[in-house]
Amino acid sequence: FPKGTDRKNGVVEINIHRTITSITQKEVAGVWINNEAKSFPADISAKKTWWWLPPVLWPESESDITKHIDFLLKKDAKNFVINMPWQMALFRKSKDVNIWAGPFCNIANALAIKVLAEIGCKGVIISPELGKEDYMMLPENSILPLGVVLSGNWPLCVSRTLADDMRTEIVFNSPKGEQAWVKKYGSDFWVYPNWRLDIRSKKQELIKAGYRMFVHIIEPVPAEVTLKKRPGLWNWDIGLK
């Protein structure tokens, strides 16, 4: 694990940003790979930063992402998070790289973790949609170190298309009165509910169970959006039954 790891229990917390300029020197940080990846500030270390690949990568975008990865590798970047298992193929010529499977891989069982280990992943950030029972069971059955999304804005979906009458960065209401907003990143539309995932109160339980990486996804919230105050436990109490 990088600088910032709690040496007593081997735990690290990472804040994942949309833009490199949002990173502070004191934090352990990650950033989504985008066009900004080729012009990051001199005071930000490529080696210490965790570089996140998008969960959707279309054929026409693969070349650009590959160029970004190659550039970062030349800058001595070491830590990457893939969000589709096939993205490991983008690193087949790379050596000494620490690649984790990200939460968008939606990993929820030991068999899938074993497969990821076989293709070269060094760790897994598991699906954020599990219940407590599943969270507690996985570490003792995993051959790789595990991480979990502890808090952040988690999308309802990532889509390539958007309804003609839908506007981005503006709140819209579902038939049942739930609110959400859409943000465009690259060629994709990310749809977010107006409340956050938040299982920070469960951190000590997760550490005891064996988790060692805790992720906070820092998503810019449009000025038009007001986030609801909800527990944000998602399926922690209700499970997947």
Protein backbone atom coordinates (compact mmCIF):
# COMPACT_ATOMS: atom_id res chain seq x y z
CA PHE A 1 0.00 0.00 0.00
CA PRO A 2 1.12 3.62 -0.58
CA LYS A 3 2.07 6.38 1.81
CA GLY A 4 -0.85 7.10 4.10
CA THR A 5 -1.38 3.49 5.10
CA ASP A 6 -2.13 2.94 8.77
CA ARG A 7 0.81 0.69 9.61
CA LYS A 8 -0.87 -0.64 12.74
CA ASN A 9 -3.57 -2.46 10.81
CA GLY A 10 -2.46 -2.03 7.19
CA VAL A 11 -5.50 0.08 6.30
CA VAL A 12 -5.51 2.84 3.69
CA GLU A 13 -8.26 5.36 2.81
CA ILE A 14 -8.33 6.82 -0.68
CA ASN A 15 -10.31 9.78 -2.02
CA ILE A 16 -11.23 9.41 -5.69
CA HIS A 17 -11.52 12.72 -7.56
CA ARG A 18 -12.79 13.71 -10.97
CA THR A 19 -10.03 16.27 -11.54
CA ILE A 20 -6.37 16.26 -10.61
CA THR A 21 -6.59 19.85 -9.41
CA SER A 22 -8.93 18.69 -6.63
CA ILE A 23 -6.17 16.60 -5.03
CA THR A 24 -4.28 17.90 -2.02
CA GLN A 25 -0.72 16.91 -1.22
CA LYS A 26 -1.66 15.49 2.18
CA GLU A 27 -4.24 12.94 1.06
CA VAL A 28 -3.96 9.49 -0.46
CA ALA A 29 -5.81 10.14 -3.69
CA GLY A 30 -7.07 8.65 -6.89
CA VAL A 31 -8.36 10.29 -10.04
CA TRP A 32 -10.39 9.15 -13.01
CA ILE A 33 -8.25 8.93 -16.15
CA ASN A 34 -9.31 11.61 -18.63
CA ASN A 35 -7.68 14.16 -20.94
CA GLU A 36 -6.34 15.97 -17.89
CA ALA A 37 -4.09 12.98 -17.17
CA LYS A 38 -1.48 14.35 -19.57
CA SER A 39 -1.16 17.71 -17.86
CA PHE A 40 -1.20 17.05 -14.13
CA PRO A 41 0.55 19.56 -11.81
CA ALA A 42 4.20 19.02 -11.00
CA ASP A 43 3.45 18.75 -7.27
CA ILE A 44 1.17 15.73 -7.82
CA SER A 45 3.02 12.41 -7.90
CA ALA A 46 1.91 10.03 -10.64
CA LYS A 47 3.53 7.23 -8.67
CA LYS A 48 1.49 7.82 -5.50
CA THR A 49 -1.82 8.51 -7.26
CA TRP A 50 -4.34 5.73 -7.94
CA TRP A 51 -5.47 6.02 -11.57
CA TRP A 52 -9.05 4.84 -12.20
CA LEU A 53 -10.21 3.60 -15.59
CA PRO A 54 -13.84 4.31 -16.59
CA PRO A 55 -16.44 1.56 -16.18
CA VAL A 56 -17.53 1.97 -19.78
CA LEU A 57 -14.92 2.08 -22.54
CA TRP A 58 -16.11 2.14 -26.14
CA PRO A 59 -13.90 0.95 -29.05
CA GLU A 60 -13.40 4.50 -30.33
CA SER A 61 -12.11 5.58 -26.90
CA GLU A 62 -9.75 2.67 -26.29
CA SER A 63 -6.85 4.27 -28.18
CA ASP A 64 -7.04 7.49 -26.13
CA ILE A 65 -7.15 5.60 -22.83
CA THR A 66 -4.20 3.46 -23.91
CA LYS A 67 -2.20 6.60 -24.71
CA HIS A 68 -3.03 8.04 -21.29
CA ILE A 69 -1.94 4.83 -19.58
CA ASP A 70 1.33 4.75 -21.54
CA PHE A 71 1.99 8.39 -20.61
CA LEU A 72 1.32 7.71 -16.93
CA LEU A 73 3.55 4.63 -16.95
CA LYS A 74 6.38 6.78 -18.32
CA LYS A 75 5.75 9.12 -15.37
CA ASP A 76 6.31 6.11 -13.07
CA ALA A 77 2.62 5.56 -12.23
CA LYS A 78 2.24 2.29 -10.33
CA ASN A 79 -1.33 2.07 -9.04
CA PHE A 80 -4.27 1.53 -11.38
CA VAL A 81 -7.89 0.49 -10.87
CA ILE A 82 -9.70 -1.23 -13.73
CA ASN A 83 -13.48 -1.15 -13.77
CA MET A 84 -14.06 -3.88 -16.36
CA PRO A 85 -12.05 -7.11 -16.13
CA TRP A 86 -11.06 -7.02 -19.82
CA GLN A 87 -9.20 -3.75 -19.18
CA MET A 88 -6.32 -5.85 -17.84
CA ALA A 89 -5.44 -6.33 -21.52
CA LEU A 90 -4.42 -2.66 -21.68
CA PHE A 91 -1.54 -3.48 -19.32
CA ARG A 92 -0.27 -6.69 -20.89
CA LYS A 93 3.10 -5.08 -21.73
CA SER A 94 3.47 -3.45 -18.30
CA LYS A 95 5.56 -4.82 -15.46
CA ASP A 96 5.66 -3.99 -11.76
CA VAL A 97 2.21 -2.36 -11.86
CA ASN A 98 -0.24 -2.65 -8.97
CA ILE A 99 -3.64 -3.21 -10.59
CA TRP A 100 -6.83 -3.58 -8.56
CA ALA A 101 -10.28 -4.48 -9.80
CA GLY A 102 -12.62 -1.60 -9.04
CA PRO A 103 -16.18 -1.54 -7.68
CA PHE A 104 -17.76 -1.31 -11.14
CA CYS A 105 -16.51 -4.84 -11.84
CA ASN A 106 -19.31 -5.73 -9.40
CA ILE A 107 -17.38 -8.52 -7.69
CA ALA A 108 -19.38 -10.34 -5.03
CA ASN A 109 -17.89 -13.81 -4.50
CA ALA A 110 -14.61 -15.65 -3.92
CA LEU A 111 -14.71 -17.47 -7.27
CA ALA A 112 -14.75 -14.20 -9.22
CA ILE A 113 -11.90 -12.91 -7.03
CA LYS A 114 -9.87 -16.03 -7.88
CA VAL A 115 -10.36 -15.39 -11.59
CA LEU A 116 -9.19 -11.79 -11.18
CA ALA A 117 -6.09 -13.02 -9.36
CA GLU A 118 -5.37 -15.38 -12.25
CA ILE A 119 -5.40 -12.54 -14.78
CA GLY A 120 -3.05 -10.43 -12.65
CA CYS A 121 -5.10 -8.28 -10.29
CA LYS A 122 -3.42 -7.55 -6.95
CA GLY A 123 -6.59 -6.64 -5.06
CA VAL A 124 -10.33 -6.12 -5.42
CA ILE A 125 -12.68 -3.31 -4.42
CA ILE A 126 -15.88 -5.27 -4.13
CA SER A 127 -19.42 -4.39 -5.23
CA PRO A 128 -20.99 -1.66 -3.05
CA GLU A 129 -24.40 -3.32 -3.33
CA LEU A 130 -23.82 -6.17 -0.89
CA GLY A 131 -25.45 -6.72 2.48
CA LYS A 132 -23.64 -7.08 5.79
CA GLU A 133 -23.57 -10.88 5.68
CA ASP A 134 -21.88 -10.88 2.27
CA TYR A 135 -19.41 -8.16 3.30
CA MET A 136 -18.38 -10.09 6.39
CA MET A 137 -17.97 -13.41 4.59
CA LEU A 138 -15.80 -12.39 1.65
CA PRO A 139 -12.40 -11.56 3.24
CA GLU A 140 -11.91 -14.97 4.85
CA ASN A 141 -12.58 -16.64 1.50
CA SER A 142 -10.55 -14.25 -0.67
CA ILE A 143 -7.05 -14.94 -1.97
CA LEU A 144 -6.58 -11.19 -2.66
CA PRO A 145 -6.70 -8.15 -0.35
CA LEU A 146 -10.06 -6.43 -0.46
CA GLY A 147 -11.35 -2.90 -0.47
CA VAL A 148 -14.78 -1.34 -0.23
CA VAL A 149 -16.48 1.94 -1.17
CA LEU A 150 -17.06 3.56 2.21
CA SER A 151 -18.84 6.69 0.99
CA GLY A 152 -19.63 8.73 -2.08
CA ASN A 153 -22.05 9.39 -4.90
CA TRP A 154 -22.72 6.06 -6.58
CA PRO A 155 -24.49 6.17 -9.97
CA LEU A 156 -27.78 4.49 -10.68
CA CYS A 157 -26.48 3.78 -14.17
CA VAL A 158 -23.97 4.84 -16.82
CA SER A 159 -25.54 5.25 -20.25
CA ARG A 160 -24.37 6.15 -23.73
CA THR A 161 -27.72 7.72 -24.60
CA LEU A 162 -30.04 10.21 -22.97
CA ALA A 163 -33.70 11.02 -23.59
CA ASP A 164 -34.13 14.03 -25.87
CA ASP A 165 -35.97 16.03 -23.23
CA MET A 166 -33.48 15.25 -20.43
CA ARG A 167 -31.11 18.01 -19.31
CA THR A 168 -27.78 17.40 -17.58
CA GLU A 169 -26.92 18.72 -14.11
CA ILE A 170 -30.58 19.47 -13.38
CA VAL A 171 -32.70 17.54 -10.87
CA PHE A 172 -35.44 15.34 -12.29
CA ASN A 173 -38.14 13.37 -10.48
CA SER A 174 -39.11 9.72 -10.81
CA PRO A 175 -42.80 8.71 -10.86
CA LYS A 176 -42.48 7.96 -7.12
CA GLY A 177 -40.94 11.33 -6.35
CA GLU A 178 -37.30 10.26 -6.00
CA GLN A 179 -34.81 12.75 -7.40
CA ALA A 180 -31.67 12.29 -9.48
CA TRP A 181 -29.41 14.18 -11.86
CA VAL A 182 -27.33 13.43 -14.95
CA LYS A 183 -23.69 14.36 -15.56
CA LYS A 184 -21.87 13.80 -18.84
CA TYR A 185 -18.31 12.49 -18.74
CA GLY A 186 -16.73 11.85 -22.12
CA SER A 187 -19.36 10.18 -24.29
CA ASP A 188 -21.31 8.72 -21.37
CA PHE A 189 -24.10 9.98 -19.14
CA TRP A 190 -23.84 9.17 -15.43
CA VAL A 191 -27.15 9.17 -13.53
CA TYR A 192 -26.91 9.85 -9.79
CA PRO A 193 -29.53 9.75 -7.02
CA ASN A 194 -29.58 12.84 -4.82
CA TRP A 195 -28.24 10.96 -1.78
CA ARG A 196 -24.93 9.32 -1.02
CA LEU A 197 -23.79 5.84 -0.19
CA ASP A 198 -22.36 6.06 3.33
CA ILE A 199 -21.23 3.09 5.42
CA ARG A 200 -18.52 4.98 7.32
CA SER A 201 -20.16 3.93 10.59
CA LYS A 202 -19.36 0.31 9.66
CA LYS A 203 -15.64 0.89 9.11
CA GLN A 204 -14.42 -0.85 12.27
CA GLU A 205 -16.56 -3.89 11.52
CA LEU A 206 -15.10 -4.01 8.03
CA ILE A 207 -11.54 -3.70 9.32
CA LYS A 208 -12.17 -6.52 11.76
CA ALA A 209 -13.57 -8.63 8.92
CA GLY A 210 -10.36 -8.08 6.94
CA TYR A 211 -10.87 -5.14 4.58
CA ARG A 212 -7.78 -3.02 4.03
CA MET A 213 -8.72 -0.36 1.46
CA PHE A 214 -11.51 2.15 2.00
CA VAL A 215 -12.63 4.35 -0.87
CA HIS A 216 -14.43 7.68 -0.84
CA ILE A 217 -15.77 8.72 -4.25
CA ILE A 218 -15.71 12.51 -4.46
CA GLU A 219 -18.22 13.57 -7.09
CA PRO A 220 -18.87 17.26 -7.85
CA VAL A 221 -22.53 18.02 -7.14
CA PRO A 222 -24.19 20.58 -9.46
CA ALA A 223 -25.40 23.79 -7.84
CA GLU A 224 -28.96 22.92 -8.86
CA VAL A 225 -28.89 19.70 -6.80
CA THR A 226 -29.66 19.41 -3.09
CA LEU A 227 -28.60 16.13 -1.52
CA LYS A 228 -31.02 14.44 0.86
CA LYS A 229 -29.89 13.50 4.34
CA ARG A 230 -30.29 9.72 4.37
CA PRO A 231 -28.41 6.97 6.22
CA GLY A 232 -26.95 5.79 2.93
CA LEU A 233 -26.54 2.18 4.08
CA TRP A 234 -27.90 0.80 0.82
CA ASN A 235 -28.21 -2.99 1.25
CA TRP A 236 -26.20 -3.28 4.47
CA ASP A 237 -29.22 -4.16 6.63
CA ILE A 238 -31.56 -5.71 4.09
CA GLY A 239 -29.05 -7.87 2.19
CA LEU A 240 -29.68 -9.29 -1.27
CA LYS A 241 -32.32 -11.87 -0.40
